[in-house]
Every structure is written in C-alpha cells, then in structure tokens.
Amino acid sequence: MFEAQAVVQNEAGIHCRPSAILVREGSAYSGEILVKAASGACTLTSALECIMLGLEKGAEVTIQVTGPDEDGFGKKLVELFETHFDFPPQ
C-alpha cells in the first residue's frame, strides 16, 4: 500500500474544477483510493464527496492507494493535490 501526505496548494482550495480532475483520475484507476483529511475521507469516486471535505489552501491530506502501480499512481495524486489549478505560481 502506498501512503503519503499532501498539502493543498491551490489558492481557492479543492473546489469544483480540481475535484472533477481528481475524480476523473481516480475513476480511471482499478485499485482502491482513500483520501483522508481532518474533515473526513473520500474515495475520489464523486466530485461532490471530494468538495464536501472542504479542503482549503494549506489543508493536509493523507492519500492511500492499493492496487497496480500504487506507488506511481499515488505520487500522481500527491502532485494533483499540490497543483495550483487557478493561480499558477509567478
């Protein structure tokens, strides 16, 4: 099992657009995904479920991935949670 921490970097947090991207990536994976935050957990199968975590900039999440190429896919999810979706760094 892959497990890593990520810190949300997007200025507006994980809202509709980032959630949709995360769910699109998650739904393409054949293994199991669990994202844990202080506010709860989700499996990246629903954008609404992801949005309801209320992840703002600076929020810490734990990402757990089990299945084929779990390390590679887990690292990809860490990168997505740490992406500046709305406001690229200058």
C-alpha atoms as a PDB file:
ATOM      1  CA  MET A   1       0.000   0.000   0.000  1.00  0.00           C
ATOM      2  CA  PHE A   2       1.178   3.496  -0.907  1.00  0.00           C
ATOM      3  CA  GLU A   3       0.597   6.218   1.693  1.00  0.00           C
ATOM      4  CA  ALA A   4       1.741   9.833   1.538  1.00  0.00           C
ATOM      5  CA  GLN A   5       0.860  13.293   2.781  1.00  0.00           C
ATOM      6  CA  ALA A   6      -0.013  16.204   0.507  1.00  0.00           C
ATOM      7  CA  VAL A   7      -0.724  19.850   1.242  1.00  0.00           C
ATOM      8  CA  VAL A   8      -3.335  21.639  -0.889  1.00  0.00           C
ATOM      9  CA  GLN A   9      -1.598  24.491  -2.739  1.00  0.00           C
ATOM     10  CA  ASN A  10      -4.436  25.900  -4.843  1.00  0.00           C
ATOM     11  CA  GLU A  11      -5.406  29.394  -3.625  1.00  0.00           C
ATOM     12  CA  ALA A  12      -9.121  28.557  -3.843  1.00  0.00           C
ATOM     13  CA  GLY A  13      -8.730  25.096  -2.337  1.00  0.00           C
ATOM     14  CA  ILE A  14     -10.229  21.958  -3.834  1.00  0.00           C
ATOM     15  CA  HIS A  15     -13.440  23.234  -5.409  1.00  0.00           C
ATOM     16  CA  CYS A  16     -15.450  22.033  -8.449  1.00  0.00           C
ATOM     17  CA  ARG A  17     -12.767  22.047 -11.154  1.00  0.00           C
ATOM     18  CA  PRO A  18      -9.962  20.444  -9.119  1.00  0.00           C
ATOM     19  CA  SER A  19     -12.440  17.917  -7.692  1.00  0.00           C
ATOM     20  CA  ALA A  20     -13.569  16.941 -11.180  1.00  0.00           C
ATOM     21  CA  ILE A  21      -9.948  16.413 -12.249  1.00  0.00           C
ATOM     22  CA  LEU A  22      -9.178  14.328  -9.161  1.00  0.00           C
ATOM     23  CA  VAL A  23     -12.297  12.190  -9.655  1.00  0.00           C
ATOM     24  CA  ARG A  24     -11.550  11.711 -13.362  1.00  0.00           C
ATOM     25  CA  GLU A  25      -8.081  10.413 -12.478  1.00  0.00           C
ATOM     26  CA  GLY A  26      -9.414   8.331  -9.583  1.00  0.00           C
ATOM     27  CA  SER A  27     -12.148   6.682 -11.626  1.00  0.00           C
ATOM     28  CA  ALA A  28      -9.582   5.541 -14.214  1.00  0.00           C
ATOM     29  CA  TYR A  29      -7.632   3.628 -11.552  1.00  0.00           C
ATOM     30  CA  SER A  30      -8.521  -0.034 -10.998  1.00  0.00           C
ATOM     31  CA  GLY A  31      -7.306  -0.201  -7.391  1.00  0.00           C
ATOM     32  CA  GLU A  32      -8.551   1.397  -4.185  1.00  0.00           C
ATOM     33  CA  ILE A  33      -8.045   5.039  -3.229  1.00  0.00           C
ATOM     34  CA  LEU A  34      -8.719   6.722   0.087  1.00  0.00           C
ATOM     35  CA  VAL A  35      -8.113  10.405   0.778  1.00  0.00           C
ATOM     36  CA  LYS A  36      -8.237  11.377   4.450  1.00  0.00           C
ATOM     37  CA  ALA A  37      -8.427  14.880   5.868  1.00  0.00           C
ATOM     38  CA  ALA A  38      -9.297  16.357   9.248  1.00  0.00           C
ATOM     39  CA  SER A  39     -12.835  16.881   7.935  1.00  0.00           C
ATOM     40  CA  GLY A  40     -13.396  13.288   6.753  1.00  0.00           C
ATOM     41  CA  ALA A  41     -12.462  10.902   3.981  1.00  0.00           C
ATOM     42  CA  CYS A  42     -13.414  10.161   0.390  1.00  0.00           C
ATOM     43  CA  THR A  43     -12.629   7.616  -2.303  1.00  0.00           C
ATOM     44  CA  LEU A  44     -12.435  10.014  -5.285  1.00  0.00           C
ATOM     45  CA  THR A  45     -15.496   8.479  -6.907  1.00  0.00           C
ATOM     46  CA  SER A  46     -17.637  11.618  -6.612  1.00  0.00           C
ATOM     47  CA  ALA A  47     -16.718  15.272  -7.109  1.00  0.00           C
ATOM     48  CA  LEU A  48     -19.318  16.273  -4.523  1.00  0.00           C
ATOM     49  CA  GLU A  49     -17.793  13.884  -1.997  1.00  0.00           C
ATOM     50  CA  CYS A  50     -14.411  15.498  -2.626  1.00  0.00           C
ATOM     51  CA  ILE A  51     -15.782  19.058  -2.405  1.00  0.00           C
ATOM     52  CA  MET A  52     -17.539  18.252   0.877  1.00  0.00           C
ATOM     53  CA  LEU A  53     -14.151  17.680   2.516  1.00  0.00           C
ATOM     54  CA  GLY A  54     -13.847  21.490   2.422  1.00  0.00           C
ATOM     55  CA  LEU A  55     -10.154  21.435   1.574  1.00  0.00           C
ATOM     56  CA  GLU A  56      -8.748  24.950   1.609  1.00  0.00           C
ATOM     57  CA  LYS A  57      -5.214  26.056   0.755  1.00  0.00           C
ATOM     58  CA  GLY A  58      -2.833  24.581   3.327  1.00  0.00           C
ATOM     59  CA  ALA A  59      -5.095  21.646   4.226  1.00  0.00           C
ATOM     60  CA  GLU A  60      -3.212  18.400   4.764  1.00  0.00           C
ATOM     61  CA  VAL A  61      -4.473  15.155   3.284  1.00  0.00           C
ATOM     62  CA  THR A  62      -3.285  11.580   3.556  1.00  0.00           C
ATOM     63  CA  ILE A  63      -3.511   9.635   0.323  1.00  0.00           C
ATOM     64  CA  GLN A  64      -3.698   5.834   0.421  1.00  0.00           C
ATOM     65  CA  VAL A  65      -3.574   3.756  -2.759  1.00  0.00           C
ATOM     66  CA  THR A  66      -3.735  -0.016  -3.059  1.00  0.00           C
ATOM     67  CA  GLY A  67      -3.505  -1.839  -6.378  1.00  0.00           C
ATOM     68  CA  PRO A  68      -1.475  -1.977  -9.574  1.00  0.00           C
ATOM     69  CA  ASP A  69       1.353   0.583  -9.769  1.00  0.00           C
ATOM     70  CA  GLU A  70       0.186   2.028  -6.456  1.00  0.00           C
ATOM     71  CA  ASP A  71       3.414   3.989  -5.962  1.00  0.00           C
ATOM     72  CA  GLY A  72       3.265   5.685  -9.365  1.00  0.00           C
ATOM     73  CA  PHE A  73      -0.432   6.451  -9.134  1.00  0.00           C
ATOM     74  CA  GLY A  74      -0.163   7.622  -5.524  1.00  0.00           C
ATOM     75  CA  LYS A  75       2.612  10.047  -6.452  1.00  0.00           C
ATOM     76  CA  LYS A  76       0.437  11.355  -9.288  1.00  0.00           C
ATOM     77  CA  LEU A  77      -2.387  12.072  -6.809  1.00  0.00           C
ATOM     78  CA  VAL A  78       0.029  13.860  -4.468  1.00  0.00           C
ATOM     79  CA  GLU A  79       1.094  16.076  -7.391  1.00  0.00           C
ATOM     80  CA  LEU A  80      -2.551  16.822  -8.262  1.00  0.00           C
ATOM     81  CA  PHE A  81      -3.445  17.816  -4.700  1.00  0.00           C
ATOM     82  CA  GLU A  82      -0.410  20.116  -4.686  1.00  0.00           C
ATOM     83  CA  THR A  83      -1.213  21.717  -8.082  1.00  0.00           C
ATOM     84  CA  HIS A  84      -2.002  25.418  -8.465  1.00  0.00           C
ATOM     85  CA  PHE A  85      -5.154  24.896 -10.555  1.00  0.00           C
ATOM     86  CA  ASP A  86      -6.386  28.503 -10.554  1.00  0.00           C
ATOM     87  CA  PHE A  87      -3.383  30.647  -9.772  1.00  0.00           C
ATOM     88  CA  PRO A  88      -0.095  29.354 -11.174  1.00  0.00           C
ATOM     89  CA  PRO A  89       2.941  30.440  -9.175  1.00  0.00           C
ATOM     90  CA  GLN A  90       4.619  33.546 -10.557  1.00  0.00           C
END
